[in-house]
Amino acid sequence: MMKIYLRKKFKKKLDKFYSQDKKIIELVDKQLSLFKASPTHPSLRLHKISTIKGNLRIIFTFYQEGILLVDIGSHDEVY
């Protein structure tokens, strides 16, 4: 099974988003579950980044036997 690792920066920013919108954790978990089941699923729209909701994106990299979640934020914040 694919493992998911979190950078401290990612966790801190995710907590900030969660404090503003309680549904963010649910949306992130849904996308990560879909990614675990089918990393190439078309609804993930993967290409170096993953869109969670509207302009909210996750940047990740493949790491060991899983992925490392690097950053989360708007398009302008993560680029």
PDB file of N, CA and C in Angstrom:
ATOM      1  N   MET A   1       0.834  -1.185   0.000  1.00  0.00           N
ATOM      2  CA  MET A   1       0.000   0.000   0.000  1.00  0.00           C
ATOM      3  C   MET A   1       0.883   1.253   0.000  1.00  0.00           C
ATOM      4  N   MET A   2       0.463   2.228  -0.735  1.00  0.00           N
ATOM      5  CA  MET A   2       1.205   3.483  -0.843  1.00  0.00           C
ATOM      6  C   MET A   2       1.135   4.255   0.483  1.00  0.00           C
ATOM      7  N   LYS A   3       2.272   4.735   0.923  1.00  0.00           N
ATOM      8  CA  LYS A   3       2.325   5.544   2.138  1.00  0.00           C
ATOM      9  C   LYS A   3       2.291   7.018   1.771  1.00  0.00           C
ATOM     10  N   ILE A   4       1.768   7.823   2.693  1.00  0.00           N
ATOM     11  CA  ILE A   4       1.712   9.264   2.490  1.00  0.00           C
ATOM     12  C   ILE A   4       2.473   9.928   3.637  1.00  0.00           C
ATOM     13  N   TYR A   5       3.455  10.736   3.261  1.00  0.00           N
ATOM     14  CA  TYR A   5       4.278  11.456   4.225  1.00  0.00           C
ATOM     15  C   TYR A   5       3.941  12.945   4.116  1.00  0.00           C
ATOM     16  N   LEU A   6       4.008  13.643   5.236  1.00  0.00           N
ATOM     17  CA  LEU A   6       3.713  15.075   5.259  1.00  0.00           C
ATOM     18  C   LEU A   6       4.935  15.872   5.676  1.00  0.00           C
ATOM     19  N   ARG A   7       5.255  16.889   4.899  1.00  0.00           N
ATOM     20  CA  ARG A   7       6.284  17.834   5.337  1.00  0.00           C
ATOM     21  C   ARG A   7       5.684  18.709   6.426  1.00  0.00           C
ATOM     22  N   LYS A   8       6.510  19.209   7.332  1.00  0.00           N
ATOM     23  CA  LYS A   8       6.019  20.074   8.406  1.00  0.00           C
ATOM     24  C   LYS A   8       5.300  21.295   7.837  1.00  0.00           C
ATOM     25  N   LYS A   9       5.862  21.856   6.775  1.00  0.00           N
ATOM     26  CA  LYS A   9       5.259  23.026   6.133  1.00  0.00           C
ATOM     27  C   LYS A   9       3.848  22.693   5.633  1.00  0.00           C
ATOM     28  N   PHE A  10       3.688  21.523   5.035  1.00  0.00           N
ATOM     29  CA  PHE A  10       2.382  21.104   4.540  1.00  0.00           C
ATOM     30  C   PHE A  10       1.391  20.999   5.692  1.00  0.00           C
ATOM     31  N   LYS A  11       1.787  20.310   6.758  1.00  0.00           N
ATOM     32  CA  LYS A  11       0.904  20.113   7.922  1.00  0.00           C
ATOM     33  C   LYS A  11       0.488  21.447   8.523  1.00  0.00           C
ATOM     34  N   LYS A  12       1.415  22.366   8.660  1.00  0.00           N
ATOM     35  CA  LYS A  12       1.121  23.676   9.238  1.00  0.00           C
ATOM     36  C   LYS A  12       0.117  24.437   8.370  1.00  0.00           C
ATOM     37  N   LYS A  13       0.334  24.423   7.054  1.00  0.00           N
ATOM     38  CA  LYS A  13      -0.575  25.133   6.157  1.00  0.00           C
ATOM     39  C   LYS A  13      -1.936  24.447   6.094  1.00  0.00           C
ATOM     40  N   LEU A  14      -1.963  23.113   6.145  1.00  0.00           N
ATOM     41  CA  LEU A  14      -3.237  22.395   6.148  1.00  0.00           C
ATOM     42  C   LEU A  14      -4.043  22.756   7.392  1.00  0.00           C
ATOM     43  N   ASP A  15      -3.390  22.837   8.536  1.00  0.00           N
ATOM     44  CA  ASP A  15      -4.067  23.245   9.772  1.00  0.00           C
ATOM     45  C   ASP A  15      -4.667  24.642   9.639  1.00  0.00           C
ATOM     46  N   LYS A  16      -3.957  25.541   8.967  1.00  0.00           N
ATOM     47  CA  LYS A  16      -4.446  26.902   8.754  1.00  0.00           C
ATOM     48  C   LYS A  16      -5.698  26.884   7.875  1.00  0.00           C
ATOM     49  N   PHE A  17      -5.656  26.110   6.792  1.00  0.00           N
ATOM     50  CA  PHE A  17      -6.835  26.003   5.924  1.00  0.00           C
ATOM     51  C   PHE A  17      -7.999  25.389   6.674  1.00  0.00           C
ATOM     52  N   TYR A  18      -7.710  24.383   7.502  1.00  0.00           N
ATOM     53  CA  TYR A  18      -8.757  23.715   8.266  1.00  0.00           C
ATOM     54  C   TYR A  18      -9.433  24.689   9.233  1.00  0.00           C
ATOM     55  N   SER A  19      -8.665  25.576   9.834  1.00  0.00           N
ATOM     56  CA  SER A  19      -9.266  26.532  10.767  1.00  0.00           C
ATOM     57  C   SER A  19     -10.193  27.512  10.052  1.00  0.00           C
ATOM     58  N   GLN A  20      -9.981  27.701   8.754  1.00  0.00           N
ATOM     59  CA  GLN A  20     -10.823  28.599   7.962  1.00  0.00           C
ATOM     60  C   GLN A  20     -12.011  27.870   7.334  1.00  0.00           C
ATOM     61  N   ASP A  21     -11.864  26.586   7.054  1.00  0.00           N
ATOM     62  CA  ASP A  21     -12.909  25.810   6.382  1.00  0.00           C
ATOM     63  C   ASP A  21     -12.804  24.364   6.856  1.00  0.00           C
ATOM     64  N   LYS A  22     -13.704  23.957   7.735  1.00  0.00           N
ATOM     65  CA  LYS A  22     -13.648  22.628   8.358  1.00  0.00           C
ATOM     66  C   LYS A  22     -13.762  21.487   7.349  1.00  0.00           C
ATOM     67  N   LYS A  23     -14.285  21.746   6.162  1.00  0.00           N
ATOM     68  CA  LYS A  23     -14.458  20.689   5.173  1.00  0.00           C
ATOM     69  C   LYS A  23     -13.177  20.379   4.396  1.00  0.00           C
ATOM     70  N   ILE A  24     -12.150  21.194   4.575  1.00  0.00           N
ATOM     71  CA  ILE A  24     -10.901  20.988   3.838  1.00  0.00           C
ATOM     72  C   ILE A  24     -10.302  19.610   4.130  1.00  0.00           C
ATOM     73  N   ILE A  25     -10.276  19.204   5.397  1.00  0.00           N
ATOM     74  CA  ILE A  25      -9.701  17.905   5.760  1.00  0.00           C
ATOM     75  C   ILE A  25     -10.446  16.791   5.028  1.00  0.00           C
ATOM     76  N   GLU A  26     -11.771  16.883   4.987  1.00  0.00           N
ATOM     77  CA  GLU A  26     -12.588  15.885   4.297  1.00  0.00           C
ATOM     78  C   GLU A  26     -12.239  15.839   2.805  1.00  0.00           C
ATOM     79  N   LEU A  27     -12.085  17.000   2.182  1.00  0.00           N
ATOM     80  CA  LEU A  27     -11.752  17.060   0.755  1.00  0.00           C
ATOM     81  C   LEU A  27     -10.356  16.506   0.481  1.00  0.00           C
ATOM     82  N   VAL A  28      -9.406  16.865   1.331  1.00  0.00           N
ATOM     83  CA  VAL A  28      -8.036  16.362   1.168  1.00  0.00           C
ATOM     84  C   VAL A  28      -8.024  14.849   1.340  1.00  0.00           C
ATOM     85  N   ASP A  29      -8.700  14.349   2.376  1.00  0.00           N
ATOM     86  CA  ASP A  29      -8.748  12.903   2.608  1.00  0.00           C
ATOM     87  C   ASP A  29      -9.384  12.168   1.424  1.00  0.00           C
ATOM     88  N   LYS A  30     -10.442  12.744   0.862  1.00  0.00           N
ATOM     89  CA  LYS A  30     -11.116  12.130  -0.287  1.00  0.00           C
ATOM     90  C   LYS A  30     -10.164  12.023  -1.479  1.00  0.00           C
ATOM     91  N   GLN A  31      -9.449  13.102  -1.771  1.00  0.00           N
ATOM     92  CA  GLN A  31      -8.523  13.100  -2.904  1.00  0.00           C
ATOM     93  C   GLN A  31      -7.368  12.139  -2.672  1.00  0.00           C
ATOM     94  N   LEU A  32      -6.852  12.103  -1.445  1.00  0.00           N
ATOM     95  CA  LEU A  32      -5.743  11.191  -1.146  1.00  0.00           C
ATOM     96  C   LEU A  32      -6.185   9.734  -1.222  1.00  0.00           C
ATOM     97  N   SER A  33      -7.397   9.439  -0.780  1.00  0.00           N
ATOM     98  CA  SER A  33      -7.919   8.073  -0.879  1.00  0.00           C
ATOM     99  C   SER A  33      -8.057   7.657  -2.338  1.00  0.00           C
ATOM    100  N   LEU A  34      -8.569   8.571  -3.158  1.00  0.00           N
ATOM    101  CA  LEU A  34      -8.687   8.303  -4.582  1.00  0.00           C
ATOM    102  C   LEU A  34      -7.302   8.092  -5.204  1.00  0.00           C
ATOM    103  N   PHE A  35      -6.346   8.907  -4.795  1.00  0.00           N
ATOM    104  CA  PHE A  35      -4.981   8.782  -5.296  1.00  0.00           C
ATOM    105  C   PHE A  35      -4.384   7.428  -4.922  1.00  0.00           C
ATOM    106  N   LYS A  36      -4.604   6.986  -3.683  1.00  0.00           N
ATOM    107  CA  LYS A  36      -4.082   5.691  -3.239  1.00  0.00           C
ATOM    108  C   LYS A  36      -4.674   4.557  -4.076  1.00  0.00           C
ATOM    109  N   ALA A  37      -5.975   4.646  -4.356  1.00  0.00           N
ATOM    110  CA  ALA A  37      -6.658   3.589  -5.099  1.00  0.00           C
ATOM    111  C   ALA A  37      -6.281   3.595  -6.575  1.00  0.00           C
ATOM    112  N   SER A  38      -6.129   4.789  -7.135  1.00  0.00           N
ATOM    113  CA  SER A  38      -5.863   4.896  -8.571  1.00  0.00           C
ATOM    114  C   SER A  38      -5.105   6.190  -8.857  1.00  0.00           C
ATOM    115  N   PRO A  39      -3.775   6.174  -8.753  1.00  0.00           N
ATOM    116  CA  PRO A  39      -2.982   7.397  -8.916  1.00  0.00           C
ATOM    117  C   PRO A  39      -3.179   8.112 -10.251  1.00  0.00           C
ATOM    118  N   THR A  40      -3.660   7.403 -11.248  1.00  0.00           N
ATOM    119  CA  THR A  40      -3.841   8.045 -12.555  1.00  0.00           C
ATOM    120  C   THR A  40      -5.301   8.379 -12.851  1.00  0.00           C
ATOM    121  N   HIS A  41      -6.160   8.341 -11.841  1.00  0.00           N
ATOM    122  CA  HIS A  41      -7.585   8.622 -12.049  1.00  0.00           C
ATOM    123  C   HIS A  41      -7.758  10.010 -12.663  1.00  0.00           C
ATOM    124  N   PRO A  42      -8.541  10.123 -13.742  1.00  0.00           N
ATOM    125  CA  PRO A  42      -8.690  11.398 -14.454  1.00  0.00           C
ATOM    126  C   PRO A  42      -9.227  12.551 -13.597  1.00  0.00           C
ATOM    127  N   SER A  43     -10.083  12.244 -12.617  1.00  0.00           N
ATOM    128  CA  SER A  43     -10.653  13.340 -11.814  1.00  0.00           C
ATOM    129  C   SER A  43      -9.615  14.016 -10.929  1.00  0.00           C
ATOM    130  N   LEU A  44      -8.465  13.369 -10.722  1.00  0.00           N
ATOM    131  CA  LEU A  44      -7.406  13.994  -9.927  1.00  0.00           C
ATOM    132  C   LEU A  44      -6.697  15.104 -10.698  1.00  0.00           C
ATOM    133  N   ARG A  45      -6.787  15.051 -12.014  1.00  0.00           N
ATOM    134  CA  ARG A  45      -6.143  16.051 -12.877  1.00  0.00           C
ATOM    135  C   ARG A  45      -4.673  16.235 -12.470  1.00  0.00           C
ATOM    136  N   LEU A  46      -3.983  15.128 -12.295  1.00  0.00           N
ATOM    137  CA  LEU A  46      -2.594  15.179 -11.836  1.00  0.00           C
ATOM    138  C   LEU A  46      -1.641  15.625 -12.921  1.00  0.00           C
ATOM    139  N   HIS A  47      -0.744  16.458 -12.535  1.00  0.00           N
ATOM    140  CA  HIS A  47       0.403  16.893 -13.317  1.00  0.00           C
ATOM    141  C   HIS A  47       1.273  17.683 -12.362  1.00  0.00           C
ATOM    142  N   LYS A  48       2.136  17.093 -11.687  1.00  0.00           N
ATOM    143  CA  LYS A  48       3.009  17.732 -10.703  1.00  0.00           C
ATOM    144  C   LYS A  48       2.245  18.374  -9.551  1.00  0.00           C
ATOM    145  N   ILE A  49       0.970  18.746  -9.757  1.00  0.00           N
ATOM    146  CA  ILE A  49       0.147  19.276  -8.668  1.00  0.00           C
ATOM    147  C   ILE A  49      -1.203  18.582  -8.700  1.00  0.00           C
ATOM    148  N   SER A  50      -1.930  18.666  -7.631  1.00  0.00           N
ATOM    149  CA  SER A  50      -3.270  18.098  -7.553  1.00  0.00           C
ATOM    150  C   SER A  50      -4.219  19.182  -7.066  1.00  0.00           C
ATOM    151  N   THR A  51      -5.325  19.376  -7.774  1.00  0.00           N
ATOM    152  CA  THR A  51      -6.310  20.377  -7.379  1.00  0.00           C
ATOM    153  C   THR A  51      -7.282  19.754  -6.392  1.00  0.00           C
ATOM    154  N   ILE A  52      -7.481  20.411  -5.268  1.00  0.00           N
ATOM    155  CA  ILE A  52      -8.373  19.913  -4.228  1.00  0.00           C
ATOM    156  C   ILE A  52      -9.757  20.548  -4.351  1.00  0.00           C
ATOM    157  N   LYS A  53      -9.787  21.848  -4.447  1.00  0.00           N
ATOM    158  CA  LYS A  53     -11.062  22.567  -4.474  1.00  0.00           C
ATOM    159  C   LYS A  53     -10.793  23.926  -5.097  1.00  0.00           C
ATOM    160  N   GLY A  54     -11.475  24.236  -6.177  1.00  0.00           N
ATOM    161  CA  GLY A  54     -11.299  25.534  -6.802  1.00  0.00           C
ATOM    162  C   GLY A  54      -9.846  25.812  -7.099  1.00  0.00           C
ATOM    163  N   ASN A  55      -9.290  26.748  -6.384  1.00  0.00           N
ATOM    164  CA  ASN A  55      -7.904  27.169  -6.599  1.00  0.00           C
ATOM    165  C   ASN A  55      -6.938  26.518  -5.599  1.00  0.00           C
ATOM    166  N   LEU A  56      -7.415  25.605  -4.761  1.00  0.00           N
ATOM    167  CA  LEU A  56      -6.578  24.965  -3.746  1.00  0.00           C
ATOM    168  C   LEU A  56      -5.845  23.773  -4.350  1.00  0.00           C
ATOM    169  N   ARG A  57      -4.533  23.778  -4.224  1.00  0.00           N
ATOM    170  CA  ARG A  57      -3.712  22.744  -4.833  1.00  0.00           C
ATOM    171  C   ARG A  57      -2.747  22.120  -3.827  1.00  0.00           C
ATOM    172  N   ILE A  58      -2.375  20.886  -4.120  1.00  0.00           N
ATOM    173  CA  ILE A  58      -1.364  20.180  -3.331  1.00  0.00           C
ATOM    174  C   ILE A  58      -0.194  19.866  -4.245  1.00  0.00           C
ATOM    175  N   ILE A  59       0.984  20.169  -3.777  1.00  0.00           N
ATOM    176  CA  ILE A  59       2.194  19.777  -4.493  1.00  0.00           C
ATOM    177  C   ILE A  59       2.798  18.591  -3.743  1.00  0.00           C
ATOM    178  N   PHE A  60       3.148  17.563  -4.502  1.00  0.00           N
ATOM    179  CA  PHE A  60       3.734  16.370  -3.902  1.00  0.00           C
ATOM    180  C   PHE A  60       4.860  15.861  -4.779  1.00  0.00           C
ATOM    181  N   THR A  61       5.610  14.957  -4.211  1.00  0.00           N
ATOM    182  CA  THR A  61       6.645  14.259  -4.965  1.00  0.00           C
ATOM    183  C   THR A  61       6.605  12.792  -4.557  1.00  0.00           C
ATOM    184  N   PHE A  62       6.967  11.919  -5.471  1.00  0.00           N
ATOM    185  CA  PHE A  62       7.053  10.503  -5.115  1.00  0.00           C
ATOM    186  C   PHE A  62       8.254  10.339  -4.190  1.00  0.00           C
ATOM    187  N   TYR A  63       8.052   9.577  -3.108  1.00  0.00           N
ATOM    188  CA  TYR A  63       9.049   9.470  -2.048  1.00  0.00           C
ATOM    189  C   TYR A  63       9.027   8.049  -1.506  1.00  0.00           C
ATOM    190  N   GLN A  64      10.156   7.396  -1.525  1.00  0.00           N
ATOM    191  CA  GLN A  64      10.273   6.003  -1.065  1.00  0.00           C
ATOM    192  C   GLN A  64       9.166   5.173  -1.696  1.00  0.00           C
ATOM    193  N   GLU A  65       8.328   4.506  -0.882  1.00  0.00           N
ATOM    194  CA  GLU A  65       7.254   3.679  -1.428  1.00  0.00           C
ATOM    195  C   GLU A  65       5.907   4.410  -1.402  1.00  0.00           C
ATOM    196  N   GLY A  66       5.945   5.743  -1.415  1.00  0.00           N
ATOM    197  CA  GLY A  66       4.710   6.512  -1.371  1.00  0.00           C
ATOM    198  C   GLY A  66       4.900   7.892  -1.955  1.00  0.00           C
ATOM    199  N   ILE A  67       4.224   8.853  -1.346  1.00  0.00           N
ATOM    200  CA  ILE A  67       4.351  10.248  -1.770  1.00  0.00           C
ATOM    201  C   ILE A  67       4.612  11.134  -0.562  1.00  0.00           C
ATOM    202  N   LEU A  68       5.274  12.231  -0.818  1.00  0.00           N
ATOM    203  CA  LEU A  68       5.543  13.246   0.196  1.00  0.00           C
ATOM    204  C   LEU A  68       4.732  14.480  -0.178  1.00  0.00           C
ATOM    205  N   LEU A  69       3.796  14.878   0.689  1.00  0.00           N
ATOM    206  CA  LEU A  69       3.012  16.079   0.463  1.00  0.00           C
ATOM    207  C   LEU A  69       3.874  17.268   0.867  1.00  0.00           C
ATOM    208  N   VAL A  70       4.175  18.111  -0.101  1.00  0.00           N
ATOM    209  CA  VAL A  70       5.158  19.168   0.066  1.00  0.00           C
ATOM    210  C   VAL A  70       4.523  20.494   0.446  1.00  0.00           C
ATOM    211  N   ASP A  71       3.465  20.884  -0.262  1.00  0.00           N
ATOM    212  CA  ASP A  71       2.871  22.205  -0.039  1.00  0.00           C
ATOM    213  C   ASP A  71       1.398  22.165  -0.408  1.00  0.00           C
ATOM    214  N   ILE A  72       0.640  23.084   0.162  1.00  0.00           N
ATOM    215  CA  ILE A  72      -0.774  23.239  -0.139  1.00  0.00           C
ATOM    216  C   ILE A  72      -1.070  24.728  -0.153  1.00  0.00           C
ATOM    217  N   GLY A  73      -1.903  25.154  -1.087  1.00  0.00           N
ATOM    218  CA  GLY A  73      -2.256  26.563  -1.167  1.00  0.00           C
ATOM    219  C   GLY A  73      -2.856  26.899  -2.524  1.00  0.00           C
ATOM    220  N   SER A  74      -3.090  28.168  -2.731  1.00  0.00           N
ATOM    221  CA  SER A  74      -3.613  28.617  -4.001  1.00  0.00           C
ATOM    222  C   SER A  74      -2.519  28.507  -5.068  1.00  0.00           C
ATOM    223  N   HIS A  75      -2.922  28.644  -6.291  1.00  0.00           N
ATOM    224  CA  HIS A  75      -1.967  28.595  -7.413  1.00  0.00           C
ATOM    225  C   HIS A  75      -0.817  29.552  -7.169  1.00  0.00           C
ATOM    226  N   ASP A  76      -1.125  30.792  -6.799  1.00  0.00           N
ATOM    227  CA  ASP A  76      -0.084  31.802  -6.577  1.00  0.00           C
ATOM    228  C   ASP A  76       0.799  31.474  -5.368  1.00  0.00           C
ATOM    229  N   GLU A  77       0.234  30.853  -4.338  1.00  0.00           N
ATOM    230  CA  GLU A  77       1.010  30.538  -3.141  1.00  0.00           C
ATOM    231  C   GLU A  77       2.011  29.404  -3.358  1.00  0.00           C
ATOM    232  N   VAL A  78       1.651  28.426  -4.153  1.00  0.00           N
ATOM    233  CA  VAL A  78       2.513  27.254  -4.284  1.00  0.00           C
ATOM    234  C   VAL A  78       3.484  27.341  -5.456  1.00  0.00           C
ATOM    235  N   TYR A  79       3.354  28.378  -6.282  1.00  0.00           N
ATOM    236  CA  TYR A  79       4.293  28.543  -7.393  1.00  0.00           C
ATOM    237  C   TYR A  79       5.238  29.664  -7.137  1.00  0.00           C
TER     238      TYR A  79
END
